[in-house]
Full PDB file with SEQRES, HELIX, SHEET, SSBOND, CRYST1, ORIGX, SCALE, CONECT and MASTER records, all heavy atoms in Angstrom:
SEQRES   1 A   36  ALA ALA ALA ALA LYS SER VAL ASP LEU ILE LEU ASN THR          
SEQRES   2 A   36  VAL SER ALA ASP HIS GLN ALA ASP HIS TYR LEU PRO LEU          
SEQRES   3 A   36  LEU ALA ASN LYS GLY THR LEU VAL GLN LEU                      
HELIX    1 AA1 ALA A   20  LEU A   26  5                                   7    
SHEET    1 AA1 2 VAL A   7  ASN A  12  0                                        
SHEET    2 AA1 2 LEU A  27  GLN A  35  1                                        
CRYST1    1.000    1.000    1.000  90.00  90.00  90.00 P 1           1          
ORIGX1      1.000000  0.000000  0.000000        0.00000                         
ORIGX2      0.000000  1.000000  0.000000        0.00000                         
ORIGX3      0.000000  0.000000  1.000000        0.00000                         
SCALE1      1.000000  0.000000  0.000000        0.00000                         
SCALE2      0.000000  1.000000  0.000000        0.00000                         
SCALE3      0.000000  0.000000  1.000000        0.00000                         
ATOM      1  N   ALA A   1      66.416 133.441 109.305  1.00  0.00           N  
ATOM      2  CA  ALA A   1      66.305 132.762 110.596  1.00  0.00           C  
ATOM      3  C   ALA A   1      67.218 133.394 111.640  1.00  0.00           C  
ATOM      4  O   ALA A   1      66.850 133.538 112.812  1.00  0.00           O  
ATOM      5  CB  ALA A   1      66.630 131.275 110.430  1.00  0.00           C  
ATOM      6  N   ALA A   2      68.403 133.790 111.213  1.00  0.00           N  
ATOM      7  CA  ALA A   2      69.356 134.403 112.144  1.00  0.00           C  
ATOM      8  C   ALA A   2      68.861 135.743 112.657  1.00  0.00           C  
ATOM      9  O   ALA A   2      69.248 136.185 113.753  1.00  0.00           O  
ATOM     10  CB  ALA A   2      70.706 134.573 111.456  1.00  0.00           C  
ATOM     11  N   ALA A   3      67.997 136.388 111.875  1.00  0.00           N  
ATOM     12  CA  ALA A   3      67.497 137.719 112.260  1.00  0.00           C  
ATOM     13  C   ALA A   3      66.099 137.665 112.866  1.00  0.00           C  
ATOM     14  O   ALA A   3      65.471 138.711 113.065  1.00  0.00           O  
ATOM     15  CB  ALA A   3      67.502 138.636 111.034  1.00  0.00           C  
ATOM     16  N   ALA A   4      65.607 136.486 113.189  1.00  0.00           N  
ATOM     17  CA  ALA A   4      64.258 136.345 113.739  1.00  0.00           C  
ATOM     18  C   ALA A   4      64.081 137.178 115.009  1.00  0.00           C  
ATOM     19  O   ALA A   4      64.972 137.234 115.866  1.00  0.00           O  
ATOM     20  CB  ALA A   4      63.965 134.879 114.022  1.00  0.00           C  
ATOM     21  N   LYS A   5      62.957 137.870 115.102  1.00  0.00           N  
ATOM     22  CA  LYS A   5      62.574 138.679 116.269  1.00  0.00           C  
ATOM     23  C   LYS A   5      63.617 139.747 116.612  1.00  0.00           C  
ATOM     24  O   LYS A   5      63.795 140.086 117.780  1.00  0.00           O  
ATOM     25  CB  LYS A   5      62.324 137.785 117.481  1.00  0.00           C  
ATOM     26  CG  LYS A   5      61.183 136.807 117.299  1.00  0.00           C  
ATOM     27  CD  LYS A   5      60.930 136.010 118.585  1.00  0.00           C  
ATOM     28  CE  LYS A   5      59.761 135.042 118.409  1.00  0.00           C  
ATOM     29  NZ  LYS A   5      59.490 134.270 119.655  1.00  0.00           N  
ATOM     30  N   SER A   6      64.274 140.291 115.589  1.00  0.00           N  
ATOM     31  CA  SER A   6      65.381 141.212 115.857  1.00  0.00           C  
ATOM     32  C   SER A   6      65.043 142.694 115.692  1.00  0.00           C  
ATOM     33  O   SER A   6      65.876 143.543 116.005  1.00  0.00           O  
ATOM     34  CB  SER A   6      66.564 140.878 114.934  1.00  0.00           C  
ATOM     35  OG  SER A   6      66.229 141.102 113.579  1.00  0.00           O  
ATOM     36  N   VAL A   7      63.841 143.011 115.211  1.00  0.00           N  
ATOM     37  CA  VAL A   7      63.502 144.429 115.004  1.00  0.00           C  
ATOM     38  C   VAL A   7      62.131 144.743 115.590  1.00  0.00           C  
ATOM     39  O   VAL A   7      61.247 143.893 115.666  1.00  0.00           O  
ATOM     40  CB  VAL A   7      63.534 144.814 113.508  1.00  0.00           C  
ATOM     41  CG1 VAL A   7      64.950 144.772 112.968  1.00  0.00           C  
ATOM     42  CG2 VAL A   7      62.629 143.919 112.678  1.00  0.00           C  
ATOM     43  N   ASP A   8      61.963 145.984 115.994  1.00  0.00           N  
ATOM     44  CA  ASP A   8      60.694 146.433 116.594  1.00  0.00           C  
ATOM     45  C   ASP A   8      59.748 147.011 115.550  1.00  0.00           C  
ATOM     46  O   ASP A   8      58.525 146.934 115.701  1.00  0.00           O  
ATOM     47  CB  ASP A   8      60.978 147.518 117.646  1.00  0.00           C  
ATOM     48  CG  ASP A   8      61.965 147.065 118.693  1.00  0.00           C  
ATOM     49  OD1 ASP A   8      61.677 146.054 119.374  1.00  0.00           O  
ATOM     50  OD2 ASP A   8      63.027 147.706 118.833  1.00  0.00           O  
ATOM     51  N   LEU A   9      60.325 147.592 114.511  1.00  0.00           N  
ATOM     52  CA  LEU A   9      59.535 148.246 113.471  1.00  0.00           C  
ATOM     53  C   LEU A   9      60.176 147.958 112.126  1.00  0.00           C  
ATOM     54  O   LEU A   9      61.399 148.047 111.988  1.00  0.00           O  
ATOM     55  CB  LEU A   9      59.497 149.768 113.697  1.00  0.00           C  
ATOM     56  CG  LEU A   9      58.781 150.616 112.646  1.00  0.00           C  
ATOM     57  CD1 LEU A   9      57.272 150.422 112.725  1.00  0.00           C  
ATOM     58  CD2 LEU A   9      59.123 152.111 112.826  1.00  0.00           C  
ATOM     59  N   ILE A  10      59.351 147.586 111.149  1.00  0.00           N  
ATOM     60  CA  ILE A  10      59.839 147.392 109.786  1.00  0.00           C  
ATOM     61  C   ILE A  10      59.101 148.345 108.863  1.00  0.00           C  
ATOM     62  O   ILE A  10      57.864 148.416 108.888  1.00  0.00           O  
ATOM     63  CB  ILE A  10      59.618 145.949 109.300  1.00  0.00           C  
ATOM     64  CG1 ILE A  10      60.442 144.955 110.118  1.00  0.00           C  
ATOM     65  CG2 ILE A  10      59.982 145.823 107.822  1.00  0.00           C  
ATOM     66  CD1 ILE A  10      60.186 143.498 109.732  1.00  0.00           C  
ATOM     67  N   LEU A  11      59.842 149.064 108.037  1.00  0.00           N  
ATOM     68  CA  LEU A  11      59.269 149.890 106.981  1.00  0.00           C  
ATOM     69  C   LEU A  11      59.525 149.170 105.665  1.00  0.00           C  
ATOM     70  O   LEU A  11      60.675 148.975 105.276  1.00  0.00           O  
ATOM     71  CB  LEU A  11      59.899 151.286 106.964  1.00  0.00           C  
ATOM     72  CG  LEU A  11      59.832 152.095 108.261  1.00  0.00           C  
ATOM     73  CD1 LEU A  11      60.363 153.504 108.030  1.00  0.00           C  
ATOM     74  CD2 LEU A  11      58.408 152.139 108.817  1.00  0.00           C  
ATOM     75  N   ASN A  12      58.460 148.783 104.994  1.00  0.00           N  
ATOM     76  CA  ASN A  12      58.557 147.983 103.779  1.00  0.00           C  
ATOM     77  C   ASN A  12      58.334 148.861 102.553  1.00  0.00           C  
ATOM     78  O   ASN A  12      57.216 149.307 102.284  1.00  0.00           O  
ATOM     79  CB  ASN A  12      57.522 146.856 103.808  1.00  0.00           C  
ATOM     80  CG  ASN A  12      57.611 145.950 102.597  1.00  0.00           C  
ATOM     81  OD1 ASN A  12      58.535 146.059 101.786  1.00  0.00           O  
ATOM     82  ND2 ASN A  12      56.644 145.060 102.455  1.00  0.00           N  
ATOM     83  N   THR A  13      59.387 149.095 101.793  1.00  0.00           N  
ATOM     84  CA  THR A  13      59.313 149.980 100.632  1.00  0.00           C  
ATOM     85  C   THR A  13      59.097 149.234  99.312  1.00  0.00           C  
ATOM     86  O   THR A  13      59.018 149.867  98.260  1.00  0.00           O  
ATOM     87  CB  THR A  13      60.607 150.812 100.492  1.00  0.00           C  
ATOM     88  OG1 THR A  13      61.674 149.967 100.033  1.00  0.00           O  
ATOM     89  CG2 THR A  13      60.997 151.449 101.813  1.00  0.00           C  
ATOM     90  N   VAL A  14      59.004 147.913  99.352  1.00  0.00           N  
ATOM     91  CA  VAL A  14      58.952 147.117  98.127  1.00  0.00           C  
ATOM     92  C   VAL A  14      57.674 147.419  97.345  1.00  0.00           C  
ATOM     93  O   VAL A  14      56.564 147.347  97.894  1.00  0.00           O  
ATOM     94  CB  VAL A  14      59.036 145.615  98.439  1.00  0.00           C  
ATOM     95  CG1 VAL A  14      58.884 144.794  97.169  1.00  0.00           C  
ATOM     96  CG2 VAL A  14      60.364 145.305  99.121  1.00  0.00           C  
ATOM     97  N   SER A  15      57.827 147.727  96.065  1.00  0.00           N  
ATOM     98  CA  SER A  15      56.675 148.035  95.217  1.00  0.00           C  
ATOM     99  C   SER A  15      56.417 146.949  94.183  1.00  0.00           C  
ATOM    100  O   SER A  15      55.490 147.074  93.375  1.00  0.00           O  
ATOM    101  CB  SER A  15      56.875 149.383  94.518  1.00  0.00           C  
ATOM    102  OG  SER A  15      58.093 149.415  93.815  1.00  0.00           O  
ATOM    103  N   ALA A  16      57.205 145.896  94.188  1.00  0.00           N  
ATOM    104  CA  ALA A  16      56.942 144.729  93.340  1.00  0.00           C  
ATOM    105  C   ALA A  16      56.056 143.752  94.096  1.00  0.00           C  
ATOM    106  O   ALA A  16      55.970 143.787  95.327  1.00  0.00           O  
ATOM    107  CB  ALA A  16      58.260 144.059  92.955  1.00  0.00           C  
ATOM    108  N   ASP A  17      55.362 142.884  93.372  1.00  0.00           N  
ATOM    109  CA  ASP A  17      54.475 141.912  94.017  1.00  0.00           C  
ATOM    110  C   ASP A  17      55.251 141.039  94.998  1.00  0.00           C  
ATOM    111  O   ASP A  17      56.312 140.502  94.669  1.00  0.00           O  
ATOM    112  CB  ASP A  17      53.799 141.032  92.964  1.00  0.00           C  
ATOM    113  CG  ASP A  17      52.739 141.780  92.170  1.00  0.00           C  
ATOM    114  OD1 ASP A  17      52.350 142.872  92.605  1.00  0.00           O  
ATOM    115  OD2 ASP A  17      52.310 141.259  91.116  1.00  0.00           O  
ATOM    116  N   HIS A  18      54.720 140.908  96.195  1.00  0.00           N  
ATOM    117  CA  HIS A  18      55.314 140.057  97.220  1.00  0.00           C  
ATOM    118  C   HIS A  18      54.272 139.829  98.298  1.00  0.00           C  
ATOM    119  O   HIS A  18      53.181 140.408  98.254  1.00  0.00           O  
ATOM    120  CB  HIS A  18      56.568 140.716  97.820  1.00  0.00           C  
ATOM    121  CG  HIS A  18      56.261 141.943  98.622  1.00  0.00           C  
ATOM    122  ND1 HIS A  18      55.934 143.156  98.051  1.00  0.00           N  
ATOM    123  CD2 HIS A  18      56.214 142.140  99.965  1.00  0.00           C  
ATOM    124  CE1 HIS A  18      55.706 144.050  99.000  1.00  0.00           C  
ATOM    125  NE2 HIS A  18      55.861 143.462 100.164  1.00  0.00           N  
ATOM    126  N   GLN A  19      54.594 139.014  99.284  1.00  0.00           N  
ATOM    127  CA  GLN A  19      53.694 138.759 100.396  1.00  0.00           C  
ATOM    128  C   GLN A  19      54.283 139.340 101.680  1.00  0.00           C  
ATOM    129  O   GLN A  19      55.401 139.007 102.076  1.00  0.00           O  
ATOM    130  CB  GLN A  19      53.440 137.263 100.551  1.00  0.00           C  
ATOM    131  CG  GLN A  19      52.632 136.660  99.411  1.00  0.00           C  
ATOM    132  CD  GLN A  19      51.264 137.316  99.273  1.00  0.00           C  
ATOM    133  OE1 GLN A  19      50.554 137.533 100.258  1.00  0.00           O  
ATOM    134  NE2 GLN A  19      50.881 137.626  98.033  1.00  0.00           N  
ATOM    135  N   ALA A  20      53.523 140.207 102.312  1.00  0.00           N  
ATOM    136  CA  ALA A  20      54.012 140.912 103.501  1.00  0.00           C  
ATOM    137  C   ALA A  20      54.353 139.964 104.640  1.00  0.00           C  
ATOM    138  O   ALA A  20      55.294 140.210 105.407  1.00  0.00           O  
ATOM    139  CB  ALA A  20      52.964 141.932 103.971  1.00  0.00           C  
ATOM    140  N   ASP A  21      53.594 138.861 104.763  1.00  0.00           N  
ATOM    141  CA  ASP A  21      53.826 138.000 105.924  1.00  0.00           C  
ATOM    142  C   ASP A  21      55.161 137.258 105.870  1.00  0.00           C  
ATOM    143  O   ASP A  21      55.581 136.658 106.857  1.00  0.00           O  
ATOM    144  CB  ASP A  21      52.673 137.026 106.132  1.00  0.00           C  
ATOM    145  CG  ASP A  21      52.518 136.014 105.008  1.00  0.00           C  
ATOM    146  OD1 ASP A  21      53.261 136.117 104.001  1.00  0.00           O  
ATOM    147  OD2 ASP A  21      51.647 135.128 105.134  1.00  0.00           O  
ATOM    148  N   HIS A  22      55.861 137.332 104.737  1.00  0.00           N  
ATOM    149  CA  HIS A  22      57.205 136.747 104.657  1.00  0.00           C  
ATOM    150  C   HIS A  22      58.142 137.396 105.670  1.00  0.00           C  
ATOM    151  O   HIS A  22      59.088 136.761 106.144  1.00  0.00           O  
ATOM    152  CB  HIS A  22      57.746 136.921 103.239  1.00  0.00           C  
ATOM    153  CG  HIS A  22      59.157 136.446 103.055  1.00  0.00           C  
ATOM    154  ND1 HIS A  22      59.493 135.107 103.027  1.00  0.00           N  
ATOM    155  CD2 HIS A  22      60.331 137.144 102.894  1.00  0.00           C  
ATOM    156  CE1 HIS A  22      60.801 134.993 102.856  1.00  0.00           C  
ATOM    157  NE2 HIS A  22      61.335 136.196 102.769  1.00  0.00           N  
ATOM    158  N   TYR A  23      57.871 138.665 106.014  1.00  0.00           N  
ATOM    159  CA  TYR A  23      58.774 139.429 106.870  1.00  0.00           C  
ATOM    160  C   TYR A  23      58.343 139.445 108.343  1.00  0.00           C  
ATOM    161  O   TYR A  23      59.093 139.935 109.196  1.00  0.00           O  
ATOM    162  CB  TYR A  23      58.870 140.870 106.355  1.00  0.00           C  
ATOM    163  CG  TYR A  23      59.391 140.952 104.944  1.00  0.00           C  
ATOM    164  CD1 TYR A  23      58.523 141.111 103.867  1.00  0.00           C  
ATOM    165  CD2 TYR A  23      60.746 140.832 104.664  1.00  0.00           C  
ATOM    166  CE1 TYR A  23      58.998 141.160 102.562  1.00  0.00           C  
ATOM    167  CE2 TYR A  23      61.230 140.875 103.369  1.00  0.00           C  
ATOM    168  CZ  TYR A  23      60.345 141.037 102.321  1.00  0.00           C  
ATOM    169  OH  TYR A  23      60.827 141.076 101.031  1.00  0.00           O  
ATOM    170  N   LEU A  24      57.179 138.901 108.654  1.00  0.00           N  
ATOM    171  CA  LEU A  24      56.701 138.945 110.029  1.00  0.00           C  
ATOM    172  C   LEU A  24      57.622 138.237 111.022  1.00  0.00           C  
ATOM    173  O   LEU A  24      57.756 138.691 112.170  1.00  0.00           O  
ATOM    174  CB  LEU A  24      55.290 138.346 110.115  1.00  0.00           C  
ATOM    175  CG  LEU A  24      54.186 139.126 109.380  1.00  0.00           C  
ATOM    176  CD1 LEU A  24      52.843 138.427 109.561  1.00  0.00           C  
ATOM    177  CD2 LEU A  24      54.101 140.562 109.879  1.00  0.00           C  
ATOM    178  N   PRO A  25      58.307 137.140 110.651  1.00  0.00           N  
ATOM    179  CA  PRO A  25      59.208 136.494 111.610  1.00  0.00           C  
ATOM    180  C   PRO A  25      60.353 137.388 112.083  1.00  0.00           C  
ATOM    181  O   PRO A  25      60.955 137.118 113.135  1.00  0.00           O  
ATOM    182  CB  PRO A  25      59.744 135.290 110.830  1.00  0.00           C  
ATOM    183  CG  PRO A  25      58.682 134.969 109.841  1.00  0.00           C  
ATOM    184  CD  PRO A  25      58.145 136.311 109.429  1.00  0.00           C  
ATOM    185  N   LEU A  26      60.664 138.436 111.337  1.00  0.00           N  
ATOM    186  CA  LEU A  26      61.742 139.332 111.752  1.00  0.00           C  
ATOM    187  C   LEU A  26      61.326 140.246 112.905  1.00  0.00           C  
ATOM    188  O   LEU A  26      62.183 140.806 113.605  1.00  0.00           O  
ATOM    189  CB  LEU A  26      62.192 140.206 110.570  1.00  0.00           C  
ATOM    190  CG  LEU A  26      62.773 139.473 109.354  1.00  0.00           C  
ATOM    191  CD1 LEU A  26      63.110 140.478 108.253  1.00  0.00           C  
ATOM    192  CD2 LEU A  26      64.005 138.668 109.739  1.00  0.00           C  
ATOM    193  N   LEU A  27      60.016 140.408 113.108  1.00  0.00           N  
ATOM    194  CA  LEU A  27      59.527 141.316 114.141  1.00  0.00           C  
ATOM    195  C   LEU A  27      59.623 140.707 115.539  1.00  0.00           C  
ATOM    196  O   LEU A  27      59.287 139.534 115.747  1.00  0.00           O  
ATOM    197  CB  LEU A  27      58.071 141.690 113.876  1.00  0.00           C  
ATOM    198  CG  LEU A  27      57.796 142.655 112.734  1.00  0.00           C  
ATOM    199  CD1 LEU A  27      56.286 142.764 112.487  1.00  0.00           C  
ATOM    200  CD2 LEU A  27      58.375 144.046 113.021  1.00  0.00           C  
ATOM    201  N   ALA A  28      60.041 141.529 116.477  1.00  0.00           N  
ATOM    202  CA  ALA A  28      59.944 141.148 117.882  1.00  0.00           C  
ATOM    203  C   ALA A  28      58.473 141.176 118.291  1.00  0.00           C  
ATOM    204  O   ALA A  28      57.631 141.739 117.589  1.00  0.00           O  
ATOM    205  CB  ALA A  28      60.751 142.121 118.746  1.00  0.00           C  
ATOM    206  N   ASN A  29      58.154 140.567 119.413  1.00  0.00           N  
ATOM    207  CA  ASN A  29      56.783 140.604 119.914  1.00  0.00           C  
ATOM    208  C   ASN A  29      56.297 142.051 120.009  1.00  0.00           C  
ATOM    209  O   ASN A  29      57.036 142.950 120.406  1.00  0.00           O  
ATOM    210  CB  ASN A  29      56.690 139.936 121.278  1.00  0.00           C  
ATOM    211  CG  ASN A  29      56.934 138.440 121.210  1.00  0.00           C  
ATOM    212  OD1 ASN A  29      56.858 137.834 120.135  1.00  0.00           O  
ATOM    213  ND2 ASN A  29      57.233 137.831 122.347  1.00  0.00           N  
ATOM    214  N   LYS A  30      55.059 142.273 119.616  1.00  0.00           N  
ATOM    215  CA  LYS A  30      54.404 143.590 119.592  1.00  0.00           C  
ATOM    216  C   LYS A  30      54.965 144.513 118.511  1.00  0.00           C  
ATOM    217  O   LYS A  30      54.725 145.713 118.518  1.00  0.00           O  
ATOM    218  CB  LYS A  30      54.488 144.286 120.959  1.00  0.00           C  
ATOM    219  CG  LYS A  30      53.810 143.526 122.093  1.00  0.00           C  
ATOM    220  CD  LYS A  30      53.847 144.309 123.397  1.00  0.00           C  
ATOM    221  CE  LYS A  30      53.149 143.529 124.511  1.00  0.00           C  
ATOM    222  NZ  LYS A  30      53.157 144.289 125.799  1.00  0.00           N  
ATOM    223  N   GLY A  31      55.714 143.925 117.576  1.00  0.00           N  
ATOM    224  CA  GLY A  31      56.291 144.730 116.506  1.00  0.00           C  
ATOM    225  C   GLY A  31      55.279 145.088 115.425  1.00  0.00           C  
ATOM    226  O   GLY A  31      54.187 144.510 115.340  1.00  0.00           O  
ATOM    227  N   THR A  32      55.676 146.021 114.565  1.00  0.00           N  
ATOM    228  CA  THR A  32      54.792 146.515 113.506  1.00  0.00           C  
ATOM    229  C   THR A  32      55.505 146.520 112.170  1.00  0.00           C  
ATOM    230  O   THR A  32      56.655 146.968 112.068  1.00  0.00           O  
ATOM    231  CB  THR A  32      54.311 147.952 113.815  1.00  0.00           C  
ATOM    232  OG1 THR A  32      53.605 147.961 115.061  1.00  0.00           O  
ATOM    233  CG2 THR A  32      53.391 148.473 112.718  1.00  0.00           C  
ATOM    234  N   LEU A  33      54.812 146.004 111.156  1.00  0.00           N  
ATOM    235  CA  LEU A  33      55.266 146.065 109.773  1.00  0.00           C  
ATOM    236  C   LEU A  33      54.441 147.128 109.061  1.00  0.00           C  
ATOM    237  O   LEU A  33      53.210 147.037 109.020  1.00  0.00           O  
ATOM    238  CB  LEU A  33      55.081 144.711 109.085  1.00  0.00           C  
ATOM    239  CG  LEU A  33      55.269 144.660 107.567  1.00  0.00           C  
ATOM    240  CD1 LEU A  33      56.709 144.953 107.189  1.00  0.00           C  
ATOM    241  CD2 LEU A  33      54.825 143.305 107.010  1.00  0.00           C  
ATOM    242  N   VAL A  34      55.111 148.143 108.520  1.00  0.00           N  
ATOM    243  CA  VAL A  34      54.418 149.245 107.853  1.00  0.00           C  
ATOM    244  C   VAL A  34      54.628 149.140 106.351  1.00  0.00           C  
ATOM    245  O   VAL A  34      55.761 149.134 105.861  1.00  0.00           O  
ATOM    246  CB  VAL A  34      54.922 150.617 108.357  1.00  0.00           C  
ATOM    247  CG1 VAL A  34      54.103 151.742 107.721  1.00  0.00           C  
ATOM    248  CG2 VAL A  34      54.836 150.700 109.878  1.00  0.00           C  
ATOM    249  N   GLN A  35      53.531 149.054 105.621  1.00  0.00           N  
ATOM    250  CA  GLN A  35      53.558 148.944 104.170  1.00  0.00           C  
ATOM    251  C   GLN A  35      53.626 150.337 103.540  1.00  0.00           C  
ATOM    252  O   GLN A  35      52.735 151.176 103.755  1.00  0.00           O  
ATOM    253  CB  GLN A  35      52.314 148.213 103.674  1.00  0.00           C  
ATOM    254  CG  GLN A  35      52.218 146.758 104.126  1.00  0.00           C  
ATOM    255  CD  GLN A  35      53.296 145.895 103.511  1.00  0.00           C  
ATOM    256  OE1 GLN A  35      54.247 145.516 104.191  1.00  0.00           O  
ATOM    257  NE2 GLN A  35      53.166 145.598 102.224  1.00  0.00           N  
ATOM    258  N   LEU A  36      54.679 150.568 102.746  1.00  0.00           N  
ATOM    259  CA  LEU A  36      54.896 151.867 102.122  1.00  0.00           C  
ATOM    260  C   LEU A  36      54.922 151.792 100.600  1.00  0.00           C  
ATOM    261  O   LEU A  36      54.448 152.702  99.923  1.00  0.00           O  
ATOM    262  CB  LEU A  36      56.210 152.476 102.627  1.00  0.00           C  
ATOM    263  CG  LEU A  36      56.328 152.684 104.132  1.00  0.00           C  
ATOM    264  CD1 LEU A  36      57.741 153.109 104.498  1.00  0.00           C  
ATOM    265  CD2 LEU A  36      55.323 153.725 104.605  1.00  0.00           C  
TER     266      LEU A  36                                                      
MASTER        0    0    0    1    2    0    0    6  265    1    0    3          
END                                                                             
C-alpha cells in the first residue's frame, strides 16, 4: 500500500505460479507490467 502508484515500469521475473494482477496497484497511471 505504501508503494502504490510508485513505478512506471515493472519487470516481473517470477517463474513460480502467481497472479500478475497482484502487482498492478504498484503501477502509476499508464504504467506497464512486463512478464519475463
